[in-house]
Amino acid sequence: MVLLTLLPAALVYCNYFGWGLLIQFVLAGITGITFEALALSLRRRSLQPAISDGSTFVTAALLAFSMPPLAPWWLTVSATAFSILLAKHLYGGLGMNPFNPAMVGYAVLLVSFPSAMTQWLPASSVTPLQINFSQTLQCILSGQLPSSLSVDVLSSASPLAALKTGLAARHTMDEVFASSTFGNIAGAGWEWVSIALLLGGMALLALRLIRWHIPVAMLLAVFFCAWIINSIDPGRHATAWFHLLSGATMIGAFYIATDPVTAPSSTRGRLIYGASIGILTYVIRSFGYYHDGVAFAVLTMNLFAPLIDKFTVPRIYGET
């Protein structure tokens, strides 16, 4: 059901940024199942329950959305292997992992290969040159663009990276947003992907697959942080709507932060957890080194989830 709710966002993504997402998902899915079977065999556990529960494909989907569309195959394979072997099975498998596996794999790549992880495609709405399925596959498998295509035409910074670079160069907000990278509210194409992810998240809530506390707390925290800072200095800080519809805000709020294994279990704890992720996301984006802070915010709060539970889970009457 989680994968089905991601389908509209995947279709919008492929419409604007080509076939890279689909290929990355297939690569991550095959790698995930392979290393899942390897880890279970080494642990002498049954393969069927763990492989058929779909959790590996959810991890693969989250990694595919996080990876640049034309990232070479070995990046995706490395991230998936790290997620399954070290972030998941090293701690005892599904239900025992203290950190979100997909975000661990993504964060390792972001720290280790920052240049390769920031090469994105421009949206189809702002460039006449499009890359077809075979060219995309060739680029991912070989690590090189076809000779008929120029890297200068196909390489583009993400909207958050373009914003951070422009502001660092002392450009005003209006000058930064004059670039074709940006759409009406956020990044060209990205704002529609975020809206599709929001609709998918609403479907998760309607199906009662997640509870509202974490996503609502995170989105409100991002919104109010951005609104307050933008009100103080609108020439140097983006609007609240830009931050809501940019980067991994929506997928982070509904699909990553709500992971029941790594999040607090109490209602009050979930509110604290979600709001803290939202605040950390905005702080890292606006004042930190990395252009998007969702992964690091989630991993940081994964560390604090047991402590949050300790102080927010109601005690049983009579418990000492």
C-alpha atoms as a PDB file:
ATOM      1  CA  MET A   1       0.000   0.000   0.000  1.00  0.00           C
ATOM      2  CA  VAL A   2       2.880   2.380   0.740  1.00  0.00           C
ATOM      3  CA  LEU A   3       4.376   1.703  -2.690  1.00  0.00           C
ATOM      4  CA  LEU A   4       1.007   2.281  -4.358  1.00  0.00           C
ATOM      5  CA  THR A   5       0.641   5.681  -2.695  1.00  0.00           C
ATOM      6  CA  LEU A   6       4.085   6.595  -4.076  1.00  0.00           C
ATOM      7  CA  LEU A   7       2.992   5.784  -7.636  1.00  0.00           C
ATOM      8  CA  PRO A   8       1.431   9.211  -8.483  1.00  0.00           C
ATOM      9  CA  ALA A   9       4.592  11.004  -7.363  1.00  0.00           C
ATOM     10  CA  ALA A  10       6.701   8.555  -9.387  1.00  0.00           C
ATOM     11  CA  LEU A  11       4.656   9.266 -12.514  1.00  0.00           C
ATOM     12  CA  VAL A  12       4.985  13.023 -12.050  1.00  0.00           C
ATOM     13  CA  TYR A  13       8.705  12.629 -11.407  1.00  0.00           C
ATOM     14  CA  CYS A  14       9.241  10.590 -14.594  1.00  0.00           C
ATOM     15  CA  ASN A  15       7.207  13.126 -16.575  1.00  0.00           C
ATOM     16  CA  TYR A  16       9.507  15.983 -15.548  1.00  0.00           C
ATOM     17  CA  PHE A  17      12.860  14.239 -15.050  1.00  0.00           C
ATOM     18  CA  GLY A  18      12.835  11.164 -17.253  1.00  0.00           C
ATOM     19  CA  TRP A  19      13.221   7.448 -16.620  1.00  0.00           C
ATOM     20  CA  GLY A  20      16.048   7.617 -14.096  1.00  0.00           C
ATOM     21  CA  LEU A  21      13.793   7.098 -11.067  1.00  0.00           C
ATOM     22  CA  LEU A  22      12.380   3.848 -12.452  1.00  0.00           C
ATOM     23  CA  ILE A  23      15.831   2.471 -13.312  1.00  0.00           C
ATOM     24  CA  GLN A  24      17.229   3.434  -9.916  1.00  0.00           C
ATOM     25  CA  PHE A  25      14.283   1.724  -8.207  1.00  0.00           C
ATOM     26  CA  VAL A  26      14.851  -1.508 -10.151  1.00  0.00           C
ATOM     27  CA  LEU A  27      18.565  -1.422  -9.302  1.00  0.00           C
ATOM     28  CA  ALA A  28      17.872  -0.747  -5.622  1.00  0.00           C
ATOM     29  CA  GLY A  29      15.134  -3.391  -5.481  1.00  0.00           C
ATOM     30  CA  ILE A  30      17.283  -6.145  -7.006  1.00  0.00           C
ATOM     31  CA  THR A  31      20.240  -5.197  -4.802  1.00  0.00           C
ATOM     32  CA  GLY A  32      18.039  -5.025  -1.719  1.00  0.00           C
ATOM     33  CA  ILE A  33      16.512  -8.463  -2.224  1.00  0.00           C
ATOM     34  CA  THR A  34      19.932  -9.974  -2.995  1.00  0.00           C
ATOM     35  CA  PHE A  35      21.564  -8.634   0.168  1.00  0.00           C
ATOM     36  CA  GLU A  36      18.440  -9.355   2.217  1.00  0.00           C
ATOM     37  CA  ALA A  37      18.701 -13.019   1.213  1.00  0.00           C
ATOM     38  CA  LEU A  38      22.449 -13.013   1.885  1.00  0.00           C
ATOM     39  CA  ALA A  39      22.026 -11.525   5.365  1.00  0.00           C
ATOM     40  CA  LEU A  40      19.205 -13.912   6.281  1.00  0.00           C
ATOM     41  CA  SER A  41      21.225 -16.883   5.057  1.00  0.00           C
ATOM     42  CA  LEU A  42      24.223 -15.859   7.135  1.00  0.00           C
ATOM     43  CA  ARG A  43      21.929 -15.453  10.154  1.00  0.00           C
ATOM     44  CA  ARG A  44      20.258 -18.807   9.386  1.00  0.00           C
ATOM     45  CA  ARG A  45      16.833 -17.231   9.231  1.00  0.00           C
ATOM     46  CA  SER A  46      13.904 -18.062   6.951  1.00  0.00           C
ATOM     47  CA  LEU A  47      13.916 -16.096   3.700  1.00  0.00           C
ATOM     48  CA  GLN A  48      10.205 -16.058   2.917  1.00  0.00           C
ATOM     49  CA  PRO A  49       8.709 -13.767   5.610  1.00  0.00           C
ATOM     50  CA  ALA A  50      11.384 -11.080   5.382  1.00  0.00           C
ATOM     51  CA  ILE A  51      11.557 -10.994   1.581  1.00  0.00           C
ATOM     52  CA  SER A  52       7.793 -11.047   1.009  1.00  0.00           C
ATOM     53  CA  ASP A  53       6.836  -8.313   3.502  1.00  0.00           C
ATOM     54  CA  GLY A  54       7.734  -5.536   1.047  1.00  0.00           C
ATOM     55  CA  SER A  55       9.913  -3.529   3.440  1.00  0.00           C
ATOM     56  CA  THR A  56      12.965  -3.947   1.213  1.00  0.00           C
ATOM     57  CA  PHE A  57      11.115  -2.415  -1.733  1.00  0.00           C
ATOM     58  CA  VAL A  58       9.995   0.536   0.391  1.00  0.00           C
ATOM     59  CA  THR A  59      13.651   1.155   1.257  1.00  0.00           C
ATOM     60  CA  ALA A  60      14.494   0.848  -2.450  1.00  0.00           C
ATOM     61  CA  ALA A  61      11.783   3.347  -3.389  1.00  0.00           C
ATOM     62  CA  LEU A  62      12.949   5.915  -0.824  1.00  0.00           C
ATOM     63  CA  LEU A  63      16.531   5.567  -2.048  1.00  0.00           C
ATOM     64  CA  ALA A  64      15.420   5.910  -5.679  1.00  0.00           C
ATOM     65  CA  PHE A  65      13.626   9.174  -4.873  1.00  0.00           C
ATOM     66  CA  SER A  66      16.736  10.416  -3.048  1.00  0.00           C
ATOM     67  CA  MET A  67      19.265   9.572  -5.772  1.00  0.00           C
ATOM     68  CA  PRO A  68      19.985  11.839  -8.761  1.00  0.00           C
ATOM     69  CA  PRO A  69      18.249  10.322 -11.824  1.00  0.00           C
ATOM     70  CA  LEU A  70      21.530   9.713 -13.682  1.00  0.00           C
ATOM     71  CA  ALA A  71      23.593   8.540 -10.702  1.00  0.00           C
ATOM     72  CA  PRO A  72      25.898   5.666 -11.765  1.00  0.00           C
ATOM     73  CA  TRP A  73      24.693   2.184 -10.863  1.00  0.00           C
ATOM     74  CA  TRP A  74      27.393   1.542  -8.260  1.00  0.00           C
ATOM     75  CA  LEU A  75      26.180   4.465  -6.139  1.00  0.00           C
ATOM     76  CA  THR A  76      22.687   3.008  -5.908  1.00  0.00           C
ATOM     77  CA  VAL A  77      23.995  -0.513  -5.292  1.00  0.00           C
ATOM     78  CA  SER A  78      26.372   0.752  -2.583  1.00  0.00           C
ATOM     79  CA  ALA A  79      23.656   2.747  -0.811  1.00  0.00           C
ATOM     80  CA  THR A  80      21.213  -0.179  -0.877  1.00  0.00           C
ATOM     81  CA  ALA A  81      23.786  -2.704   0.320  1.00  0.00           C
ATOM     82  CA  PHE A  82      24.793  -0.402   3.168  1.00  0.00           C
ATOM     83  CA  SER A  83      21.138   0.139   4.105  1.00  0.00           C
ATOM     84  CA  ILE A  84      20.264  -3.569   4.207  1.00  0.00           C
ATOM     85  CA  LEU A  85      23.433  -5.085   5.645  1.00  0.00           C
ATOM     86  CA  LEU A  86      24.642  -2.482   8.116  1.00  0.00           C
ATOM     87  CA  ALA A  87      21.699  -0.225   8.943  1.00  0.00           C
ATOM     88  CA  LYS A  88      19.176  -3.079   9.138  1.00  0.00           C
ATOM     89  CA  HIS A  89      20.622  -6.559   9.722  1.00  0.00           C
ATOM     90  CA  LEU A  90      23.618  -5.509  11.806  1.00  0.00           C
ATOM     91  CA  TYR A  91      21.109  -4.552  14.505  1.00  0.00           C
ATOM     92  CA  GLY A  92      18.967  -7.670  14.167  1.00  0.00           C
ATOM     93  CA  GLY A  93      16.789  -7.024  11.124  1.00  0.00           C
ATOM     94  CA  LEU A  94      13.424  -5.360  10.630  1.00  0.00           C
ATOM     95  CA  GLY A  95      12.008  -4.017  13.871  1.00  0.00           C
ATOM     96  CA  MET A  96      15.382  -3.814  15.610  1.00  0.00           C
ATOM     97  CA  ASN A  97      17.131  -1.103  13.583  1.00  0.00           C
ATOM     98  CA  PRO A  98      17.539   2.211  15.475  1.00  0.00           C
ATOM     99  CA  PHE A  99      18.058   4.249  12.281  1.00  0.00           C
ATOM    100  CA  ASN A 100      16.018   4.542   9.101  1.00  0.00           C
ATOM    101  CA  PRO A 101      17.898   2.240   6.662  1.00  0.00           C
ATOM    102  CA  ALA A 102      17.229   4.284   3.526  1.00  0.00           C
ATOM    103  CA  MET A 103      18.450   7.508   5.136  1.00  0.00           C
ATOM    104  CA  VAL A 104      21.596   5.808   6.420  1.00  0.00           C
ATOM    105  CA  GLY A 105      22.468   4.670   2.889  1.00  0.00           C
ATOM    106  CA  TYR A 106      21.683   8.085   1.432  1.00  0.00           C
ATOM    107  CA  ALA A 107      23.651   9.975   4.096  1.00  0.00           C
ATOM    108  CA  VAL A 108      26.723   7.776   3.563  1.00  0.00           C
ATOM    109  CA  LEU A 109      26.707   8.612  -0.164  1.00  0.00           C
ATOM    110  CA  LEU A 110      26.075  12.313   0.461  1.00  0.00           C
ATOM    111  CA  VAL A 111      29.089  12.525   2.772  1.00  0.00           C
ATOM    112  CA  SER A 112      31.336  10.280   0.651  1.00  0.00           C
ATOM    113  CA  PHE A 113      30.425  11.458  -2.875  1.00  0.00           C
ATOM    114  CA  PRO A 114      28.959  14.980  -2.533  1.00  0.00           C
ATOM    115  CA  SER A 115      29.681  16.000  -6.123  1.00  0.00           C
ATOM    116  CA  ALA A 116      27.987  12.977  -7.703  1.00  0.00           C
ATOM    117  CA  MET A 117      24.978  13.342  -5.384  1.00  0.00           C
ATOM    118  CA  THR A 118      24.251  16.920  -6.452  1.00  0.00           C
ATOM    119  CA  GLN A 119      24.059  16.437 -10.242  1.00  0.00           C
ATOM    120  CA  TRP A 120      20.374  16.590 -11.093  1.00  0.00           C
ATOM    121  CA  LEU A 121      18.458  16.912 -14.344  1.00  0.00           C
ATOM    122  CA  PRO A 122      16.602  20.111 -15.269  1.00  0.00           C
ATOM    123  CA  ALA A 123      12.839  19.717 -15.544  1.00  0.00           C
ATOM    124  CA  SER A 124      11.379  18.962 -18.967  1.00  0.00           C
ATOM    125  CA  SER A 125       9.397  22.219 -18.726  1.00  0.00           C
ATOM    126  CA  VAL A 126      12.564  24.365 -18.824  1.00  0.00           C
ATOM    127  CA  THR A 127      14.795  22.553 -21.347  1.00  0.00           C
ATOM    128  CA  PRO A 128      14.016  21.373 -24.898  1.00  0.00           C
ATOM    129  CA  LEU A 129      16.610  18.576 -24.762  1.00  0.00           C
ATOM    130  CA  GLN A 130      15.282  15.364 -23.257  1.00  0.00           C
ATOM    131  CA  ILE A 131      17.059  12.086 -22.589  1.00  0.00           C
ATOM    132  CA  ASN A 132      15.187   8.914 -23.559  1.00  0.00           C
ATOM    133  CA  PHE A 133      15.063   5.562 -21.774  1.00  0.00           C
ATOM    134  CA  SER A 134      17.980   3.933 -23.613  1.00  0.00           C
ATOM    135  CA  GLN A 135      20.190   6.988 -23.131  1.00  0.00           C
ATOM    136  CA  THR A 136      19.277   7.101 -19.434  1.00  0.00           C
ATOM    137  CA  LEU A 137      20.067   3.401 -19.023  1.00  0.00           C
ATOM    138  CA  GLN A 138      23.364   3.782 -20.873  1.00  0.00           C
ATOM    139  CA  CYS A 139      24.340   6.732 -18.700  1.00  0.00           C
ATOM    140  CA  ILE A 140      23.532   4.919 -15.436  1.00  0.00           C
ATOM    141  CA  LEU A 141      25.261   1.670 -16.398  1.00  0.00           C
ATOM    142  CA  SER A 142      28.360   3.227 -17.994  1.00  0.00           C
ATOM    143  CA  GLY A 143      28.672   6.306 -15.798  1.00  0.00           C
ATOM    144  CA  GLN A 144      29.060   8.455 -18.914  1.00  0.00           C
ATOM    145  CA  LEU A 145      26.678  10.451 -21.061  1.00  0.00           C
ATOM    146  CA  PRO A 146      26.131   9.429 -24.693  1.00  0.00           C
ATOM    147  CA  SER A 147      28.387  11.360 -27.074  1.00  0.00           C
ATOM    148  CA  SER A 148      25.373  13.128 -28.571  1.00  0.00           C
ATOM    149  CA  LEU A 149      24.519  14.796 -25.245  1.00  0.00           C
ATOM    150  CA  SER A 150      26.353  17.509 -23.331  1.00  0.00           C
ATOM    151  CA  VAL A 151      26.841  17.344 -19.591  1.00  0.00           C
ATOM    152  CA  ASP A 152      26.394  21.126 -19.389  1.00  0.00           C
ATOM    153  CA  VAL A 153      22.903  20.832 -20.835  1.00  0.00           C
ATOM    154  CA  LEU A 154      21.756  17.912 -18.688  1.00  0.00           C
ATOM    155  CA  SER A 155      23.423  18.753 -15.361  1.00  0.00           C
ATOM    156  CA  SER A 156      21.531  21.018 -13.025  1.00  0.00           C
ATOM    157  CA  ALA A 157      21.574  21.865  -9.340  1.00  0.00           C
ATOM    158  CA  SER A 158      18.512  21.080  -7.272  1.00  0.00           C
ATOM    159  CA  PRO A 159      16.385  24.128  -6.338  1.00  0.00           C
ATOM    160  CA  LEU A 160      17.653  24.089  -2.747  1.00  0.00           C
ATOM    161  CA  ALA A 161      21.277  23.856  -3.923  1.00  0.00           C
ATOM    162  CA  ALA A 162      20.716  26.637  -6.466  1.00  0.00           C
ATOM    163  CA  LEU A 163      19.177  28.798  -3.745  1.00  0.00           C
ATOM    164  CA  LYS A 164      22.086  28.223  -1.347  1.00  0.00           C
ATOM    165  CA  THR A 165      24.665  28.890  -4.095  1.00  0.00           C
ATOM    166  CA  GLY A 166      22.902  32.042  -5.254  1.00  0.00           C
ATOM    167  CA  LEU A 167      22.600  33.485  -1.767  1.00  0.00           C
ATOM    168  CA  ALA A 168      26.251  32.646  -1.040  1.00  0.00           C
ATOM    169  CA  ALA A 169      27.149  34.686  -4.137  1.00  0.00           C
ATOM    170  CA  ARG A 170      25.316  37.664  -2.595  1.00  0.00           C
ATOM    171  CA  HIS A 171      22.381  37.541  -4.993  1.00  0.00           C
ATOM    172  CA  THR A 172      18.993  38.677  -3.774  1.00  0.00           C
ATOM    173  CA  MET A 173      16.055  36.330  -3.563  1.00  0.00           C
ATOM    174  CA  ASP A 174      14.480  37.888  -6.666  1.00  0.00           C
ATOM    175  CA  GLU A 175      17.700  37.409  -8.633  1.00  0.00           C
ATOM    176  CA  VAL A 176      17.964  33.777  -7.563  1.00  0.00           C
ATOM    177  CA  PHE A 177      14.355  33.023  -8.479  1.00  0.00           C
ATOM    178  CA  ALA A 178      14.828  34.546 -11.944  1.00  0.00           C
ATOM    179  CA  SER A 179      16.635  31.335 -12.900  1.00  0.00           C
ATOM    180  CA  SER A 180      14.776  28.718 -14.944  1.00  0.00           C
ATOM    181  CA  THR A 181      15.489  26.235 -12.149  1.00  0.00           C
ATOM    182  CA  PHE A 182      12.546  27.654 -10.227  1.00  0.00           C
ATOM    183  CA  GLY A 183       8.836  27.393 -10.941  1.00  0.00           C
ATOM    184  CA  ASN A 184       5.887  29.296  -9.533  1.00  0.00           C
ATOM    185  CA  ILE A 185       6.493  28.460  -5.854  1.00  0.00           C
ATOM    186  CA  ALA A 186       9.480  26.123  -5.612  1.00  0.00           C
ATOM    187  CA  GLY A 187      11.646  24.285  -8.126  1.00  0.00           C
ATOM    188  CA  ALA A 188      10.342  23.752 -11.650  1.00  0.00           C
ATOM    189  CA  GLY A 189       8.816  20.275 -11.681  1.00  0.00           C
ATOM    190  CA  TRP A 190       9.758  19.626  -8.064  1.00  0.00           C
ATOM    191  CA  GLU A 191       6.771  21.535  -6.726  1.00  0.00           C
ATOM    192  CA  TRP A 192       4.439  19.161  -8.573  1.00  0.00           C
ATOM    193  CA  VAL A 193       6.341  16.117  -7.325  1.00  0.00           C
ATOM    194  CA  SER A 194       5.934  17.453  -3.785  1.00  0.00           C
ATOM    195  CA  ILE A 195       2.204  17.995  -4.293  1.00  0.00           C
ATOM    196  CA  ALA A 196       1.878  14.405  -5.553  1.00  0.00           C
ATOM    197  CA  LEU A 197       3.762  13.195  -2.469  1.00  0.00           C
ATOM    198  CA  LEU A 198       1.398  15.240  -0.296  1.00  0.00           C
ATOM    199  CA  LEU A 199      -1.568  13.498  -1.934  1.00  0.00           C
ATOM    200  CA  GLY A 200       0.117  10.141  -1.351  1.00  0.00           C
ATOM    201  CA  GLY A 201       0.670  11.080   2.276  1.00  0.00           C
ATOM    202  CA  MET A 202      -3.002  12.025   2.645  1.00  0.00           C
ATOM    203  CA  ALA A 203      -3.862   8.590   1.255  1.00  0.00           C
ATOM    204  CA  LEU A 204      -1.634   6.975   3.904  1.00  0.00           C
ATOM    205  CA  LEU A 205      -3.527   8.912   6.579  1.00  0.00           C
ATOM    206  CA  ALA A 206      -6.913   8.004   5.099  1.00  0.00           C
ATOM    207  CA  LEU A 207      -5.915   4.319   5.021  1.00  0.00           C
ATOM    208  CA  ARG A 208      -4.663   4.626   8.618  1.00  0.00           C
ATOM    209  CA  LEU A 209      -1.256   3.300   7.663  1.00  0.00           C
ATOM    210  CA  ILE A 210       0.331   6.229   9.512  1.00  0.00           C
ATOM    211  CA  ARG A 211      -0.846   8.617  12.226  1.00  0.00           C
ATOM    212  CA  TRP A 212      -1.035  12.379  11.694  1.00  0.00           C
ATOM    213  CA  HIS A 213       1.172  13.550  14.570  1.00  0.00           C
ATOM    214  CA  ILE A 214       4.645  13.284  12.988  1.00  0.00           C
ATOM    215  CA  PRO A 215       3.882  14.671   9.504  1.00  0.00           C
ATOM    216  CA  VAL A 216       1.719  17.529  10.780  1.00  0.00           C
ATOM    217  CA  ALA A 217       4.253  18.484  13.458  1.00  0.00           C
ATOM    218  CA  MET A 218       7.141  18.373  10.983  1.00  0.00           C
ATOM    219  CA  LEU A 219       5.380  20.381   8.277  1.00  0.00           C
ATOM    220  CA  LEU A 220       4.166  23.006  10.755  1.00  0.00           C
ATOM    221  CA  ALA A 221       7.671  23.335  12.205  1.00  0.00           C
ATOM    222  CA  VAL A 222       9.203  23.842   8.750  1.00  0.00           C
ATOM    223  CA  PHE A 223       6.438  26.300   7.823  1.00  0.00           C
ATOM    224  CA  PHE A 224       6.690  28.485  10.927  1.00  0.00           C
ATOM    225  CA  CYS A 225      10.502  28.497  10.998  1.00  0.00           C
ATOM    226  CA  ALA A 226      10.604  29.601   7.355  1.00  0.00           C
ATOM    227  CA  TRP A 227       7.760  32.103   7.829  1.00  0.00           C
ATOM    228  CA  ILE A 228       9.394  33.787  10.830  1.00  0.00           C
ATOM    229  CA  ILE A 229      12.857  34.056   9.240  1.00  0.00           C
ATOM    230  CA  ASN A 230      11.411  35.165   5.899  1.00  0.00           C
ATOM    231  CA  SER A 231       9.370  37.869   7.662  1.00  0.00           C
ATOM    232  CA  ILE A 232      12.548  39.164   9.310  1.00  0.00           C
ATOM    233  CA  ASP A 233      14.720  39.110   6.146  1.00  0.00           C
ATOM    234  CA  PRO A 234      12.749  38.314   2.955  1.00  0.00           C
ATOM    235  CA  GLY A 235      15.703  39.260   0.757  1.00  0.00           C
ATOM    236  CA  ARG A 236      17.900  36.469   2.101  1.00  0.00           C
ATOM    237  CA  HIS A 237      15.482  33.703   3.052  1.00  0.00           C
ATOM    238  CA  ALA A 238      12.889  31.803   1.002  1.00  0.00           C
ATOM    239  CA  THR A 239       9.211  31.689   1.785  1.00  0.00           C
ATOM    240  CA  ALA A 240       7.541  29.014   3.884  1.00  0.00           C
ATOM    241  CA  TRP A 241       5.747  27.611   0.826  1.00  0.00           C
ATOM    242  CA  PHE A 242       9.064  27.210  -0.979  1.00  0.00           C
ATOM    243  CA  HIS A 243      10.463  25.107   1.863  1.00  0.00           C
ATOM    244  CA  LEU A 244       7.327  22.973   2.078  1.00  0.00           C
ATOM    245  CA  LEU A 245       7.394  22.145  -1.643  1.00  0.00           C
ATOM    246  CA  SER A 246      11.165  21.778  -2.047  1.00  0.00           C
ATOM    247  CA  GLY A 247      13.594  18.960  -1.465  1.00  0.00           C
ATOM    248  CA  ALA A 248      12.556  15.998   0.657  1.00  0.00           C
ATOM    249  CA  THR A 249      10.089  17.838   2.902  1.00  0.00           C
ATOM    250  CA  MET A 250       6.975  15.957   1.805  1.00  0.00           C
ATOM    251  CA  ILE A 251       8.498  12.524   1.380  1.00  0.00           C
ATOM    252  CA  GLY A 252      10.315  13.031   4.651  1.00  0.00           C
ATOM    253  CA  ALA A 253       7.174  14.011   6.546  1.00  0.00           C
ATOM    254  CA  PHE A 254       4.922  11.201   5.301  1.00  0.00           C
ATOM    255  CA  TYR A 255       7.218   8.340   4.266  1.00  0.00           C
ATOM    256  CA  ILE A 256      10.503   8.633   6.184  1.00  0.00           C
ATOM    257  CA  ALA A 257       9.899  10.231   9.570  1.00  0.00           C
ATOM    258  CA  THR A 258       6.798   8.078  10.134  1.00  0.00           C
ATOM    259  CA  ASP A 259       8.786   4.827  10.109  1.00  0.00           C
ATOM    260  CA  PRO A 260       7.232   3.061  13.135  1.00  0.00           C
ATOM    261  CA  VAL A 261      10.466   1.253  14.038  1.00  0.00           C
ATOM    262  CA  THR A 262      12.656   4.340  14.453  1.00  0.00           C
ATOM    263  CA  ALA A 263      10.063   6.847  15.722  1.00  0.00           C
ATOM    264  CA  PRO A 264       8.717   7.316  19.277  1.00  0.00           C
ATOM    265  CA  SER A 265       5.626   5.348  20.237  1.00  0.00           C
ATOM    266  CA  SER A 266       3.702   7.872  22.346  1.00  0.00           C
ATOM    267  CA  THR A 267       1.436  10.579  20.936  1.00  0.00           C
ATOM    268  CA  ARG A 268       3.245  13.398  22.711  1.00  0.00           C
ATOM    269  CA  GLY A 269       6.575  11.871  21.712  1.00  0.00           C
ATOM    270  CA  ARG A 270       5.588  11.817  18.046  1.00  0.00           C
ATOM    271  CA  LEU A 271       4.687  15.506  18.163  1.00  0.00           C
ATOM    272  CA  ILE A 272       8.050  16.383  19.728  1.00  0.00           C
ATOM    273  CA  TYR A 273       9.865  14.098  17.286  1.00  0.00           C
ATOM    274  CA  GLY A 274       8.153  15.513  14.183  1.00  0.00           C
ATOM    275  CA  ALA A 275       8.586  19.140  15.249  1.00  0.00           C
ATOM    276  CA  SER A 276      12.264  18.565  16.033  1.00  0.00           C
ATOM    277  CA  ILE A 277      12.847  17.056  12.577  1.00  0.00           C
ATOM    278  CA  GLY A 278      11.158  20.070  10.992  1.00  0.00           C
ATOM    279  CA  ILE A 279      13.265  22.573  12.953  1.00  0.00           C
ATOM    280  CA  LEU A 280      16.511  20.710  12.247  1.00  0.00           C
ATOM    281  CA  THR A 281      15.621  20.448   8.555  1.00  0.00           C
ATOM    282  CA  TYR A 282      15.161  24.192   8.263  1.00  0.00           C
ATOM    283  CA  VAL A 283      18.287  25.005  10.285  1.00  0.00           C
ATOM    284  CA  ILE A 284      20.483  22.714   8.160  1.00  0.00           C
ATOM    285  CA  ARG A 285      19.002  24.058   4.926  1.00  0.00           C
ATOM    286  CA  SER A 286      19.359  27.715   5.832  1.00  0.00           C
ATOM    287  CA  PHE A 287      22.504  27.797   7.958  1.00  0.00           C
ATOM    288  CA  GLY A 288      24.294  24.480   7.418  1.00  0.00           C
ATOM    289  CA  TYR A 289      26.588  23.088   4.743  1.00  0.00           C
ATOM    290  CA  TYR A 290      24.142  20.717   3.032  1.00  0.00           C
ATOM    291  CA  HIS A 291      21.351  22.080   0.876  1.00  0.00           C
ATOM    292  CA  ASP A 292      18.703  19.713   2.259  1.00  0.00           C
ATOM    293  CA  GLY A 293      18.631  18.548   5.850  1.00  0.00           C
ATOM    294  CA  VAL A 294      15.843  15.956   6.006  1.00  0.00           C
ATOM    295  CA  ALA A 295      18.088  12.882   6.085  1.00  0.00           C
ATOM    296  CA  PHE A 296      20.393  14.250   8.778  1.00  0.00           C
ATOM    297  CA  ALA A 297      17.459  15.609  10.784  1.00  0.00           C
ATOM    298  CA  VAL A 298      15.731  12.207  10.735  1.00  0.00           C
ATOM    299  CA  LEU A 299      18.900  10.319  11.685  1.00  0.00           C
ATOM    300  CA  THR A 300      19.627  12.773  14.498  1.00  0.00           C
ATOM    301  CA  MET A 301      16.142  12.377  15.940  1.00  0.00           C
ATOM    302  CA  ASN A 302      16.350   8.569  15.535  1.00  0.00           C
ATOM    303  CA  LEU A 303      19.063   8.819  18.192  1.00  0.00           C
ATOM    304  CA  PHE A 304      16.730  10.673  20.532  1.00  0.00           C
ATOM    305  CA  ALA A 305      13.624   8.523  19.963  1.00  0.00           C
ATOM    306  CA  PRO A 306      14.300   6.194  22.938  1.00  0.00           C
ATOM    307  CA  LEU A 307      14.943   9.199  25.197  1.00  0.00           C
ATOM    308  CA  ILE A 308      11.739  10.879  24.013  1.00  0.00           C
ATOM    309  CA  ASP A 309       9.816   7.685  24.757  1.00  0.00           C
ATOM    310  CA  LYS A 310      11.366   7.488  28.202  1.00  0.00           C
ATOM    311  CA  PHE A 311       9.859  10.825  29.200  1.00  0.00           C
ATOM    312  CA  THR A 312       6.587  10.745  27.220  1.00  0.00           C
ATOM    313  CA  VAL A 313       5.243   7.170  27.361  1.00  0.00           C
ATOM    314  CA  PRO A 314       2.515   7.130  30.062  1.00  0.00           C
ATOM    315  CA  ARG A 315       3.341   4.979  33.082  1.00  0.00           C
ATOM    316  CA  ILE A 316       1.092   2.078  33.993  1.00  0.00           C
ATOM    317  CA  TYR A 317      -0.869   2.819  37.158  1.00  0.00           C
ATOM    318  CA  GLY A 318       1.055   1.468  40.109  1.00  0.00           C
ATOM    319  CA  GLU A 319       4.344   1.185  38.208  1.00  0.00           C
ATOM    320  CA  THR A 320       7.402   2.203  40.255  1.00  0.00           C
END
